[in-house]
Amino acid sequence: MFETRTDPLASHLVFARRLIKFATIAFIVIGVALGIGILGYHYIARFSWIDSLLNASMILGGMGPMGDLPSDASKVFASFYALFSGLVFISVMGIVLAPAAHRALHLFHLDEEEQKP
């Protein structure tokens, strides 16, 4: 997937494509996580679709819930979804930062004459 330590540094075009690919993967992960939250709030907490979207978005973004949860099942779902959202946040940050971190580390392994364009 990425070039090895002995390979030359990837071109700017390859790096830009890699950034776009990983950002797309991150958006897909966020969309799936948001979908899980919307469905959970709608079917478990009996919120409307808009309220479900709002609550799932707020939890996934780290802001906290917006409405009162009517049942114990909805409170259990909200607590698990909050923990899940924290893991999604960490995972998405890793996905987004991976190409840039790899490129920075790859630069440290290049000889001085290899770094010149």
N, C-alpha and C. Protein backbone atom coordinates (compact mmCIF):
# COMPACT_ATOMS: atom_id res chain seq x y z
N MET A 1 0.83 -1.18 0.00
CA MET A 1 0.00 0.00 0.00
C MET A 1 0.87 1.25 0.00
N PHE A 2 1.79 1.37 0.95
CA PHE A 2 2.71 2.49 0.99
C PHE A 2 4.06 2.02 0.47
N GLU A 3 4.90 2.97 0.07
CA GLU A 3 6.24 2.60 -0.36
C GLU A 3 7.07 2.18 0.85
N THR A 4 8.03 1.31 0.60
CA THR A 4 8.87 0.83 1.69
C THR A 4 9.98 1.83 1.96
N ARG A 5 10.78 1.52 2.94
CA ARG A 5 11.85 2.42 3.36
C ARG A 5 12.89 2.60 2.25
N THR A 6 13.09 1.58 1.46
CA THR A 6 14.11 1.66 0.41
C THR A 6 13.58 2.26 -0.88
N ASP A 7 12.29 2.42 -1.03
CA ASP A 7 11.70 3.02 -2.23
C ASP A 7 11.85 4.54 -2.19
N PRO A 8 11.85 5.17 -3.38
CA PRO A 8 11.89 6.64 -3.38
C PRO A 8 10.58 7.21 -2.86
N LEU A 9 10.63 8.47 -2.47
CA LEU A 9 9.45 9.16 -1.96
C LEU A 9 8.39 9.25 -3.07
N ALA A 10 7.15 9.02 -2.71
CA ALA A 10 6.05 9.07 -3.67
C ALA A 10 5.89 10.50 -4.20
N SER A 11 5.45 10.60 -5.45
CA SER A 11 5.25 11.92 -6.05
C SER A 11 4.08 12.64 -5.36
N HIS A 12 3.97 13.92 -5.64
CA HIS A 12 2.88 14.70 -5.04
C HIS A 12 1.52 14.21 -5.52
N LEU A 13 1.45 13.77 -6.77
CA LEU A 13 0.20 13.26 -7.31
C LEU A 13 -0.22 11.96 -6.61
N VAL A 14 0.74 11.07 -6.40
CA VAL A 14 0.44 9.82 -5.70
C VAL A 14 0.03 10.11 -4.26
N PHE A 15 0.72 11.05 -3.64
CA PHE A 15 0.39 11.42 -2.26
C PHE A 15 -1.01 12.04 -2.18
N ALA A 16 -1.36 12.91 -3.13
CA ALA A 16 -2.69 13.53 -3.14
C ALA A 16 -3.77 12.48 -3.33
N ARG A 17 -3.55 11.53 -4.23
CA ARG A 17 -4.52 10.45 -4.43
C ARG A 17 -4.67 9.61 -3.16
N ARG A 18 -3.56 9.38 -2.49
CA ARG A 18 -3.60 8.61 -1.25
C ARG A 18 -4.40 9.35 -0.18
N LEU A 19 -4.20 10.66 -0.08
CA LEU A 19 -4.97 11.45 0.88
C LEU A 19 -6.47 11.39 0.58
N ILE A 20 -6.82 11.50 -0.71
CA ILE A 20 -8.23 11.43 -1.09
C ILE A 20 -8.81 10.07 -0.78
N LYS A 21 -8.06 9.02 -1.06
CA LYS A 21 -8.52 7.65 -0.78
C LYS A 21 -8.78 7.45 0.72
N PHE A 22 -7.86 7.88 1.54
CA PHE A 22 -8.01 7.68 2.97
C PHE A 22 -9.09 8.58 3.56
N ALA A 23 -9.26 9.78 3.02
CA ALA A 23 -10.35 10.65 3.47
C ALA A 23 -11.69 10.05 3.10
N THR A 24 -11.78 9.42 1.93
CA THR A 24 -13.02 8.75 1.52
C THR A 24 -13.34 7.60 2.46
N ILE A 25 -12.34 6.82 2.82
CA ILE A 25 -12.54 5.73 3.77
C ILE A 25 -13.02 6.28 5.11
N ALA A 26 -12.43 7.38 5.55
CA ALA A 26 -12.83 7.99 6.82
C ALA A 26 -14.29 8.46 6.77
N PHE A 27 -14.70 9.07 5.66
CA PHE A 27 -16.09 9.51 5.52
C PHE A 27 -17.06 8.33 5.51
N ILE A 28 -16.66 7.23 4.92
CA ILE A 28 -17.51 6.03 4.92
C ILE A 28 -17.67 5.51 6.34
N VAL A 29 -16.58 5.45 7.10
CA VAL A 29 -16.64 4.99 8.50
C VAL A 29 -17.54 5.92 9.32
N ILE A 30 -17.41 7.22 9.12
CA ILE A 30 -18.26 8.17 9.83
C ILE A 30 -19.72 7.98 9.44
N GLY A 31 -19.99 7.78 8.16
CA GLY A 31 -21.36 7.57 7.70
C GLY A 31 -22.00 6.33 8.29
N VAL A 32 -21.23 5.23 8.35
CA VAL A 32 -21.75 4.00 8.94
C VAL A 32 -22.02 4.20 10.44
N ALA A 33 -21.09 4.85 11.13
CA ALA A 33 -21.28 5.10 12.56
C ALA A 33 -22.48 6.01 12.81
N LEU A 34 -22.64 7.02 11.98
CA LEU A 34 -23.79 7.91 12.11
C LEU A 34 -25.08 7.16 11.84
N GLY A 35 -25.08 6.29 10.83
CA GLY A 35 -26.26 5.49 10.52
C GLY A 35 -26.66 4.59 11.68
N ILE A 36 -25.68 3.97 12.33
CA ILE A 36 -25.96 3.13 13.49
C ILE A 36 -26.62 3.96 14.59
N GLY A 37 -26.09 5.14 14.83
CA GLY A 37 -26.66 6.00 15.86
C GLY A 37 -28.07 6.46 15.53
N ILE A 38 -28.30 6.85 14.28
CA ILE A 38 -29.63 7.30 13.88
C ILE A 38 -30.65 6.18 14.05
N LEU A 39 -30.31 4.99 13.58
CA LEU A 39 -31.25 3.87 13.71
C LEU A 39 -31.50 3.50 15.17
N GLY A 40 -30.44 3.53 15.97
CA GLY A 40 -30.59 3.20 17.38
C GLY A 40 -31.47 4.20 18.12
N TYR A 41 -31.22 5.48 17.90
CA TYR A 41 -32.04 6.50 18.56
C TYR A 41 -33.49 6.47 18.06
N HIS A 42 -33.66 6.16 16.78
CA HIS A 42 -35.02 6.13 16.25
C HIS A 42 -35.81 4.93 16.77
N TYR A 43 -35.21 3.76 16.73
CA TYR A 43 -35.95 2.55 17.07
C TYR A 43 -35.89 2.19 18.56
N ILE A 44 -34.82 2.54 19.24
CA ILE A 44 -34.71 2.20 20.66
C ILE A 44 -35.25 3.33 21.54
N ALA A 45 -34.84 4.57 21.24
CA ALA A 45 -35.28 5.70 22.05
C ALA A 45 -36.59 6.30 21.56
N ARG A 46 -37.07 5.86 20.41
CA ARG A 46 -38.33 6.33 19.82
C ARG A 46 -38.30 7.83 19.50
N PHE A 47 -37.12 8.34 19.09
CA PHE A 47 -37.01 9.73 18.65
C PHE A 47 -37.45 9.83 17.20
N SER A 48 -37.82 11.03 16.79
CA SER A 48 -38.11 11.25 15.36
C SER A 48 -36.80 11.14 14.59
N TRP A 49 -36.90 11.06 13.26
CA TRP A 49 -35.69 10.91 12.45
C TRP A 49 -34.76 12.10 12.61
N ILE A 50 -35.31 13.29 12.68
CA ILE A 50 -34.48 14.50 12.83
C ILE A 50 -33.82 14.52 14.20
N ASP A 51 -34.57 14.21 15.25
CA ASP A 51 -33.99 14.17 16.59
C ASP A 51 -32.94 13.06 16.69
N SER A 52 -33.18 11.95 16.01
CA SER A 52 -32.21 10.86 16.00
C SER A 52 -30.92 11.31 15.32
N LEU A 53 -31.05 12.00 14.20
CA LEU A 53 -29.88 12.54 13.51
C LEU A 53 -29.12 13.52 14.40
N LEU A 54 -29.85 14.40 15.05
CA LEU A 54 -29.22 15.39 15.93
C LEU A 54 -28.47 14.71 17.07
N ASN A 55 -29.12 13.77 17.75
CA ASN A 55 -28.46 13.10 18.88
C ASN A 55 -27.26 12.29 18.43
N ALA A 56 -27.41 11.54 17.34
CA ALA A 56 -26.29 10.73 16.86
C ALA A 56 -25.13 11.62 16.43
N SER A 57 -25.42 12.73 15.77
CA SER A 57 -24.37 13.65 15.34
C SER A 57 -23.67 14.28 16.54
N MET A 58 -24.43 14.67 17.53
CA MET A 58 -23.83 15.30 18.71
C MET A 58 -22.96 14.32 19.49
N ILE A 59 -23.42 13.09 19.64
CA ILE A 59 -22.62 12.09 20.35
C ILE A 59 -21.37 11.76 19.54
N LEU A 60 -21.54 11.55 18.22
CA LEU A 60 -20.40 11.19 17.38
C LEU A 60 -19.38 12.32 17.33
N GLY A 61 -19.84 13.54 17.40
CA GLY A 61 -18.94 14.69 17.41
C GLY A 61 -18.36 15.01 18.77
N GLY A 62 -18.77 14.30 19.80
CA GLY A 62 -18.23 14.50 21.13
C GLY A 62 -18.91 15.58 21.94
N MET A 63 -20.09 16.03 21.53
CA MET A 63 -20.76 17.13 22.22
C MET A 63 -21.71 16.66 23.32
N GLY A 64 -22.28 15.50 23.18
CA GLY A 64 -23.22 15.00 24.18
C GLY A 64 -24.63 14.95 23.65
N PRO A 65 -25.50 14.25 24.36
CA PRO A 65 -26.89 14.08 23.88
C PRO A 65 -27.68 15.37 24.01
N MET A 66 -28.76 15.44 23.21
CA MET A 66 -29.60 16.64 23.20
C MET A 66 -30.94 16.46 23.90
N GLY A 67 -31.46 15.25 23.94
CA GLY A 67 -32.79 15.05 24.51
C GLY A 67 -32.77 14.09 25.69
N ASP A 68 -33.87 14.08 26.43
CA ASP A 68 -34.01 13.14 27.53
C ASP A 68 -34.30 11.76 26.97
N LEU A 69 -33.66 10.77 27.55
CA LEU A 69 -33.85 9.40 27.10
C LEU A 69 -34.99 8.78 27.90
N PRO A 70 -36.01 8.25 27.22
CA PRO A 70 -37.23 7.85 27.90
C PRO A 70 -37.18 6.50 28.62
N SER A 71 -36.27 5.61 28.22
CA SER A 71 -36.29 4.27 28.81
C SER A 71 -34.87 3.84 29.18
N ASP A 72 -34.82 2.76 29.96
CA ASP A 72 -33.52 2.21 30.33
C ASP A 72 -32.79 1.66 29.11
N ALA A 73 -33.53 1.05 28.18
CA ALA A 73 -32.90 0.51 26.97
C ALA A 73 -32.25 1.63 26.16
N SER A 74 -32.91 2.77 26.08
CA SER A 74 -32.33 3.88 25.33
C SER A 74 -31.10 4.44 26.03
N LYS A 75 -31.09 4.40 27.35
CA LYS A 75 -29.92 4.88 28.09
C LYS A 75 -28.74 3.93 27.91
N VAL A 76 -29.02 2.63 27.88
CA VAL A 76 -27.96 1.65 27.64
C VAL A 76 -27.41 1.82 26.22
N PHE A 77 -28.31 1.98 25.25
CA PHE A 77 -27.85 2.22 23.88
C PHE A 77 -26.99 3.48 23.81
N ALA A 78 -27.43 4.55 24.42
CA ALA A 78 -26.69 5.81 24.37
C ALA A 78 -25.31 5.67 24.99
N SER A 79 -25.20 4.91 26.07
CA SER A 79 -23.89 4.75 26.69
C SER A 79 -22.95 3.93 25.80
N PHE A 80 -23.46 2.85 25.19
CA PHE A 80 -22.63 2.07 24.29
C PHE A 80 -22.29 2.85 23.03
N TYR A 81 -23.23 3.63 22.53
CA TYR A 81 -22.96 4.43 21.34
C TYR A 81 -21.92 5.51 21.63
N ALA A 82 -21.94 6.06 22.82
CA ALA A 82 -20.94 7.06 23.19
C ALA A 82 -19.54 6.44 23.23
N LEU A 83 -19.42 5.24 23.80
CA LEU A 83 -18.13 4.55 23.82
C LEU A 83 -17.69 4.19 22.40
N PHE A 84 -18.63 3.69 21.60
CA PHE A 84 -18.35 3.36 20.21
C PHE A 84 -17.91 4.60 19.45
N SER A 85 -18.53 5.73 19.70
CA SER A 85 -18.19 6.97 19.00
C SER A 85 -16.77 7.42 19.34
N GLY A 86 -16.36 7.23 20.57
CA GLY A 86 -14.99 7.56 20.94
C GLY A 86 -13.98 6.72 20.17
N LEU A 87 -14.28 5.44 20.01
CA LEU A 87 -13.39 4.57 19.24
C LEU A 87 -13.40 4.94 17.76
N VAL A 88 -14.56 5.32 17.25
CA VAL A 88 -14.65 5.76 15.85
C VAL A 88 -13.81 7.02 15.65
N PHE A 89 -13.88 7.95 16.59
CA PHE A 89 -13.09 9.18 16.48
C PHE A 89 -11.61 8.87 16.40
N ILE A 90 -11.13 8.00 17.29
CA ILE A 90 -9.71 7.64 17.29
C ILE A 90 -9.34 6.94 15.99
N SER A 91 -10.20 6.04 15.52
CA SER A 91 -9.93 5.31 14.28
C SER A 91 -9.90 6.23 13.07
N VAL A 92 -10.84 7.14 13.00
CA VAL A 92 -10.90 8.06 11.86
C VAL A 92 -9.67 8.97 11.86
N MET A 93 -9.24 9.43 13.01
CA MET A 93 -8.04 10.26 13.07
C MET A 93 -6.82 9.47 12.59
N GLY A 94 -6.74 8.20 12.95
CA GLY A 94 -5.65 7.36 12.47
C GLY A 94 -5.69 7.18 10.96
N ILE A 95 -6.89 6.97 10.43
CA ILE A 95 -7.04 6.79 8.98
C ILE A 95 -6.65 8.07 8.24
N VAL A 96 -7.09 9.20 8.73
CA VAL A 96 -6.82 10.47 8.05
C VAL A 96 -5.34 10.86 8.15
N LEU A 97 -4.73 10.61 9.28
CA LEU A 97 -3.34 11.03 9.49
C LEU A 97 -2.31 10.03 8.97
N ALA A 98 -2.70 8.81 8.65
CA ALA A 98 -1.75 7.78 8.24
C ALA A 98 -0.91 8.18 7.03
N PRO A 99 -1.48 8.69 5.94
CA PRO A 99 -0.63 9.04 4.80
C PRO A 99 0.40 10.13 5.11
N ALA A 100 -0.02 11.15 5.84
CA ALA A 100 0.90 12.24 6.18
C ALA A 100 1.98 11.76 7.14
N ALA A 101 1.60 10.96 8.11
CA ALA A 101 2.59 10.44 9.06
C ALA A 101 3.59 9.53 8.34
N HIS A 102 3.10 8.69 7.42
CA HIS A 102 4.00 7.82 6.68
C HIS A 102 4.97 8.63 5.83
N ARG A 103 4.45 9.65 5.18
CA ARG A 103 5.33 10.48 4.33
C ARG A 103 6.39 11.18 5.18
N ALA A 104 6.00 11.70 6.33
CA ALA A 104 6.97 12.37 7.21
C ALA A 104 8.03 11.40 7.69
N LEU A 105 7.61 10.21 8.09
CA LEU A 105 8.60 9.22 8.54
C LEU A 105 9.47 8.73 7.39
N HIS A 106 8.89 8.63 6.21
CA HIS A 106 9.66 8.20 5.04
C HIS A 106 10.74 9.22 4.71
N LEU A 107 10.44 10.50 4.88
CA LEU A 107 11.44 11.55 4.63
C LEU A 107 12.66 11.40 5.54
N PHE A 108 12.47 10.94 6.75
CA PHE A 108 13.59 10.77 7.68
C PHE A 108 14.53 9.65 7.23
N HIS A 109 14.03 8.71 6.44
CA HIS A 109 14.85 7.57 6.03
C HIS A 109 15.54 7.78 4.69
N LEU A 110 15.25 8.87 4.00
CA LEU A 110 15.87 9.14 2.72
C LEU A 110 17.24 9.76 2.91
N ASP A 111 18.15 9.42 2.01
CA ASP A 111 19.44 10.08 2.03
C ASP A 111 19.28 11.50 1.48
N GLU A 112 20.26 12.37 1.77
CA GLU A 112 20.12 13.75 1.34
C GLU A 112 20.02 13.89 -0.17
N GLU A 113 20.74 13.09 -0.94
CA GLU A 113 20.69 13.22 -2.39
C GLU A 113 19.39 12.69 -2.96
N GLU A 114 18.67 11.81 -2.23
CA GLU A 114 17.39 11.30 -2.69
C GLU A 114 16.25 12.29 -2.46
N GLN A 115 16.43 13.24 -1.54
CA GLN A 115 15.37 14.18 -1.22
C GLN A 115 15.22 15.29 -2.25
N LYS A 116 16.25 15.51 -3.05
CA LYS A 116 16.17 16.58 -4.05
C LYS A 116 15.25 16.16 -5.19
N PRO A 117 14.36 17.08 -5.65
CA PRO A 117 13.43 16.72 -6.73
C PRO A 117 14.09 16.56 -8.08
